[in-house]
């Protein structure tokens, strides 16, 4: 980073609503340089299922604090590739549908996904929140490599 270092020696307990609520040397002169800058990566997508590894499973997304599944309507290898790349893999090996890794629970949050292949995040793909003809028998999955 560049510019002033605003927080140093940050100590959070886990119950804080925001980073500024954590104990720190906020706004005080910092003794560290930008080579100690911290970053956070928040998961908005994950793979789950009955027979799953870290590289394959049912696709689940986080929207508004709730985890849900993706309907396999129009699900294809391009959609799966965007998921895999977001998870740190180089490509998708397959894009199985029909709840290949078991039926999910909770809401179905995305349907009719149409990724172009260059999206940085799966949620940047075009999709519908309407899924009138979808249930968890049609949960989308990926196998990444």
C-alpha atoms as a PDB file:
ATOM      1  CA  UNK A   1       0.000   0.000   0.000  1.00  0.00           C
ATOM      2  CA  UNK A   2       0.808   3.651   0.016  1.00  0.00           C
ATOM      3  CA  UNK A   3      -0.076   6.568   2.260  1.00  0.00           C
ATOM      4  CA  UNK A   4      -0.368   6.695   6.025  1.00  0.00           C
ATOM      5  CA  UNK A   5      -0.729   3.541   8.101  1.00  0.00           C
ATOM      6  CA  UNK A   6      -3.911   4.044  10.098  1.00  0.00           C
ATOM      7  CA  UNK A   7      -3.938   0.978  12.351  1.00  0.00           C
ATOM      8  CA  UNK A   8      -1.141  -0.986  14.008  1.00  0.00           C
ATOM      9  CA  UNK A   9      -1.098  -3.866  16.492  1.00  0.00           C
ATOM     10  CA  UNK A  10      -4.748  -4.727  15.768  1.00  0.00           C
ATOM     11  CA  UNK A  11      -6.261  -7.207  18.221  1.00  0.00           C
ATOM     12  CA  UNK A  12      -9.814  -8.456  17.648  1.00  0.00           C
ATOM     13  CA  UNK A  13     -11.824 -10.821  19.842  1.00  0.00           C
ATOM     14  CA  UNK A  14     -14.288 -11.856  17.113  1.00  0.00           C
ATOM     15  CA  UNK A  15     -17.386 -10.108  18.427  1.00  0.00           C
ATOM     16  CA  UNK A  16     -16.609  -6.706  16.898  1.00  0.00           C
ATOM     17  CA  UNK A  17     -19.011  -5.365  14.253  1.00  0.00           C
ATOM     18  CA  UNK A  18     -16.241  -3.607  12.333  1.00  0.00           C
ATOM     19  CA  UNK A  19     -12.465  -3.479  12.275  1.00  0.00           C
ATOM     20  CA  UNK A  20     -12.361  -0.067  13.951  1.00  0.00           C
ATOM     21  CA  UNK A  21     -13.981  -1.645  17.051  1.00  0.00           C
ATOM     22  CA  UNK A  22     -10.911  -3.826  17.601  1.00  0.00           C
ATOM     23  CA  UNK A  23      -8.166  -2.797  19.969  1.00  0.00           C
ATOM     24  CA  UNK A  24      -5.342  -1.066  18.093  1.00  0.00           C
ATOM     25  CA  UNK A  25      -3.044   1.886  17.835  1.00  0.00           C
ATOM     26  CA  UNK A  26      -5.635   3.707  15.682  1.00  0.00           C
ATOM     27  CA  UNK A  27      -4.386   6.899  14.098  1.00  0.00           C
ATOM     28  CA  UNK A  28      -1.187   6.882  16.131  1.00  0.00           C
ATOM     29  CA  UNK A  29       2.295   6.872  14.710  1.00  0.00           C
ATOM     30  CA  UNK A  30       2.979   3.386  13.441  1.00  0.00           C
ATOM     31  CA  UNK A  31       6.325   1.670  13.645  1.00  0.00           C
ATOM     32  CA  UNK A  32       5.589  -0.691  10.752  1.00  0.00           C
ATOM     33  CA  UNK A  33       5.948  -0.219   7.009  1.00  0.00           C
ATOM     34  CA  UNK A  34       3.715  -1.185   4.120  1.00  0.00           C
ATOM     35  CA  UNK A  35       5.523  -4.511   3.830  1.00  0.00           C
ATOM     36  CA  UNK A  36       3.393  -5.486   6.869  1.00  0.00           C
ATOM     37  CA  UNK A  37       0.047  -4.409   5.343  1.00  0.00           C
ATOM     38  CA  UNK A  38      -2.762  -6.841   6.129  1.00  0.00           C
ATOM     39  CA  UNK A  39      -5.490  -8.074   3.795  1.00  0.00           C
ATOM     40  CA  UNK A  40      -8.678 -10.098   4.101  1.00  0.00           C
ATOM     41  CA  UNK A  41     -10.376 -12.426   1.671  1.00  0.00           C
ATOM     42  CA  UNK A  42     -14.043 -13.119   2.383  1.00  0.00           C
ATOM     43  CA  UNK A  43     -15.522 -16.308   0.973  1.00  0.00           C
ATOM     44  CA  UNK A  44     -18.621 -15.772  -1.137  1.00  0.00           C
ATOM     45  CA  UNK A  45     -18.523 -19.155  -2.839  1.00  0.00           C
ATOM     46  CA  UNK A  46     -17.814 -22.673  -1.618  1.00  0.00           C
ATOM     47  CA  UNK A  47     -18.056 -26.326  -2.643  1.00  0.00           C
ATOM     48  CA  UNK A  48     -20.085 -28.748  -0.554  1.00  0.00           C
ATOM     49  CA  UNK A  49     -21.602 -32.170  -0.939  1.00  0.00           C
ATOM     50  CA  UNK A  50     -21.811 -35.794   0.109  1.00  0.00           C
ATOM     51  CA  UNK A  51     -18.722 -36.970  -1.785  1.00  0.00           C
ATOM     52  CA  UNK A  52     -16.591 -33.872  -2.079  1.00  0.00           C
ATOM     53  CA  UNK A  53     -12.961 -32.856  -2.057  1.00  0.00           C
ATOM     54  CA  UNK A  54     -11.601 -29.329  -1.942  1.00  0.00           C
ATOM     55  CA  UNK A  55     -11.676 -29.231  -5.752  1.00  0.00           C
ATOM     56  CA  UNK A  56     -15.156 -30.573  -6.447  1.00  0.00           C
ATOM     57  CA  UNK A  57     -18.669 -30.368  -5.090  1.00  0.00           C
ATOM     58  CA  UNK A  58     -22.011 -28.607  -5.142  1.00  0.00           C
ATOM     59  CA  UNK A  59     -21.665 -24.856  -5.759  1.00  0.00           C
ATOM     60  CA  UNK A  60     -22.947 -22.684  -2.918  1.00  0.00           C
ATOM     61  CA  UNK A  61     -22.933 -18.882  -2.837  1.00  0.00           C
ATOM     62  CA  UNK A  62     -23.258 -16.353  -0.034  1.00  0.00           C
ATOM     63  CA  UNK A  63     -25.763 -13.560  -0.570  1.00  0.00           C
ATOM     64  CA  UNK A  64     -26.909 -11.161   2.146  1.00  0.00           C
ATOM     65  CA  UNK A  65     -25.424 -13.385   4.854  1.00  0.00           C
ATOM     66  CA  UNK A  66     -27.213 -16.550   3.681  1.00  0.00           C
ATOM     67  CA  UNK A  67     -25.630 -19.562   1.938  1.00  0.00           C
ATOM     68  CA  UNK A  68     -27.649 -21.084  -0.891  1.00  0.00           C
ATOM     69  CA  UNK A  69     -27.304 -23.199  -4.014  1.00  0.00           C
ATOM     70  CA  UNK A  70     -27.232 -22.581  -7.765  1.00  0.00           C
ATOM     71  CA  UNK A  71     -29.781 -24.099 -10.160  1.00  0.00           C
ATOM     72  CA  UNK A  72     -28.319 -26.072 -13.067  1.00  0.00           C
ATOM     73  CA  UNK A  73     -30.558 -24.448 -15.718  1.00  0.00           C
ATOM     74  CA  UNK A  74     -28.161 -23.387 -18.522  1.00  0.00           C
ATOM     75  CA  UNK A  75     -25.207 -24.524 -16.349  1.00  0.00           C
ATOM     76  CA  UNK A  76     -22.109 -25.197 -18.456  1.00  0.00           C
ATOM     77  CA  UNK A  77     -18.321 -25.496 -18.399  1.00  0.00           C
ATOM     78  CA  UNK A  78     -17.856 -21.717 -18.780  1.00  0.00           C
ATOM     79  CA  UNK A  79     -19.873 -21.087 -15.602  1.00  0.00           C
ATOM     80  CA  UNK A  80     -17.921 -23.807 -13.811  1.00  0.00           C
ATOM     81  CA  UNK A  81     -14.603 -22.318 -14.975  1.00  0.00           C
ATOM     82  CA  UNK A  82     -15.416 -18.955 -13.385  1.00  0.00           C
ATOM     83  CA  UNK A  83     -16.252 -20.748 -10.117  1.00  0.00           C
ATOM     84  CA  UNK A  84     -13.016 -22.743 -10.224  1.00  0.00           C
ATOM     85  CA  UNK A  85     -10.859 -19.705 -11.010  1.00  0.00           C
ATOM     86  CA  UNK A  86     -12.423 -17.760  -8.126  1.00  0.00           C
ATOM     87  CA  UNK A  87     -11.515 -20.681  -5.863  1.00  0.00           C
ATOM     88  CA  UNK A  88      -7.891 -20.594  -7.072  1.00  0.00           C
ATOM     89  CA  UNK A  89      -7.914 -23.406  -9.656  1.00  0.00           C
ATOM     90  CA  UNK A  90      -6.811 -22.988 -13.263  1.00  0.00           C
ATOM     91  CA  UNK A  91      -9.877 -24.501 -14.928  1.00  0.00           C
ATOM     92  CA  UNK A  92     -13.017 -26.587 -14.623  1.00  0.00           C
ATOM     93  CA  UNK A  93     -12.779 -30.248 -15.555  1.00  0.00           C
ATOM     94  CA  UNK A  94     -16.543 -30.716 -15.620  1.00  0.00           C
ATOM     95  CA  UNK A  95     -19.811 -28.971 -14.782  1.00  0.00           C
ATOM     96  CA  UNK A  96     -22.184 -31.662 -13.509  1.00  0.00           C
ATOM     97  CA  UNK A  97     -25.773 -30.786 -12.734  1.00  0.00           C
ATOM     98  CA  UNK A  98     -28.672 -32.758 -11.269  1.00  0.00           C
ATOM     99  CA  UNK A  99     -27.279 -32.553  -7.718  1.00  0.00           C
ATOM    100  CA  UNK A 100     -24.277 -34.719  -8.595  1.00  0.00           C
ATOM    101  CA  UNK A 101     -22.799 -34.127  -5.114  1.00  0.00           C
ATOM    102  CA  UNK A 102     -26.083 -34.366  -3.256  1.00  0.00           C
ATOM    103  CA  UNK A 103     -29.012 -32.065  -2.748  1.00  0.00           C
ATOM    104  CA  UNK A 104     -28.364 -28.817  -0.950  1.00  0.00           C
ATOM    105  CA  UNK A 105     -30.593 -27.178   1.626  1.00  0.00           C
ATOM    106  CA  UNK A 106     -31.777 -23.642   2.087  1.00  0.00           C
ATOM    107  CA  UNK A 107     -32.589 -21.179  -0.664  1.00  0.00           C
ATOM    108  CA  UNK A 108     -31.726 -21.523  -4.341  1.00  0.00           C
ATOM    109  CA  UNK A 109     -30.089 -18.151  -4.917  1.00  0.00           C
ATOM    110  CA  UNK A 110     -29.072 -18.222  -8.597  1.00  0.00           C
ATOM    111  CA  UNK A 111     -30.554 -19.697 -11.767  1.00  0.00           C
ATOM    112  CA  UNK A 112     -29.964 -19.396 -15.517  1.00  0.00           C
ATOM    113  CA  UNK A 113     -26.325 -18.429 -14.943  1.00  0.00           C
ATOM    114  CA  UNK A 114     -24.566 -17.083 -18.029  1.00  0.00           C
ATOM    115  CA  UNK A 115     -20.870 -16.441 -17.484  1.00  0.00           C
ATOM    116  CA  UNK A 116     -18.735 -15.228 -20.369  1.00  0.00           C
ATOM    117  CA  UNK A 117     -15.537 -16.597 -18.863  1.00  0.00           C
ATOM    118  CA  UNK A 118     -13.692 -13.395 -17.948  1.00  0.00           C
ATOM    119  CA  UNK A 119     -15.578 -12.489 -14.753  1.00  0.00           C
ATOM    120  CA  UNK A 120     -13.409 -12.077 -11.644  1.00  0.00           C
ATOM    121  CA  UNK A 121     -16.187 -13.357  -9.388  1.00  0.00           C
ATOM    122  CA  UNK A 122     -18.958 -15.834 -10.074  1.00  0.00           C
ATOM    123  CA  UNK A 123     -21.537 -13.345  -8.793  1.00  0.00           C
ATOM    124  CA  UNK A 124     -20.450 -10.970 -11.612  1.00  0.00           C
ATOM    125  CA  UNK A 125     -21.977 -13.378 -14.161  1.00  0.00           C
ATOM    126  CA  UNK A 126     -25.467 -12.723 -15.467  1.00  0.00           C
ATOM    127  CA  UNK A 127     -28.079 -14.749 -13.595  1.00  0.00           C
ATOM    128  CA  UNK A 128     -31.683 -14.785 -12.521  1.00  0.00           C
ATOM    129  CA  UNK A 129     -32.917 -14.781  -8.945  1.00  0.00           C
ATOM    130  CA  UNK A 130     -36.173 -16.331 -10.195  1.00  0.00           C
ATOM    131  CA  UNK A 131     -36.109 -20.111 -10.233  1.00  0.00           C
ATOM    132  CA  UNK A 132     -39.725 -21.198 -10.611  1.00  0.00           C
ATOM    133  CA  UNK A 133     -38.852 -24.566 -12.142  1.00  0.00           C
ATOM    134  CA  UNK A 134     -35.897 -25.422  -9.939  1.00  0.00           C
ATOM    135  CA  UNK A 135     -35.480 -27.451  -6.769  1.00  0.00           C
ATOM    136  CA  UNK A 136     -32.476 -29.023  -5.068  1.00  0.00           C
ATOM    137  CA  UNK A 137     -32.597 -31.986  -7.484  1.00  0.00           C
ATOM    138  CA  UNK A 138     -31.058 -29.530  -9.965  1.00  0.00           C
ATOM    139  CA  UNK A 139     -28.208 -28.117  -7.861  1.00  0.00           C
ATOM    140  CA  UNK A 140     -25.152 -27.201  -9.952  1.00  0.00           C
ATOM    141  CA  UNK A 141     -21.693 -28.632  -9.243  1.00  0.00           C
ATOM    142  CA  UNK A 142     -18.092 -28.352 -10.432  1.00  0.00           C
ATOM    143  CA  UNK A 143     -14.953 -30.401 -10.637  1.00  0.00           C
ATOM    144  CA  UNK A 144     -11.876 -28.145 -10.740  1.00  0.00           C
ATOM    145  CA  UNK A 145      -8.315 -28.841 -11.816  1.00  0.00           C
END
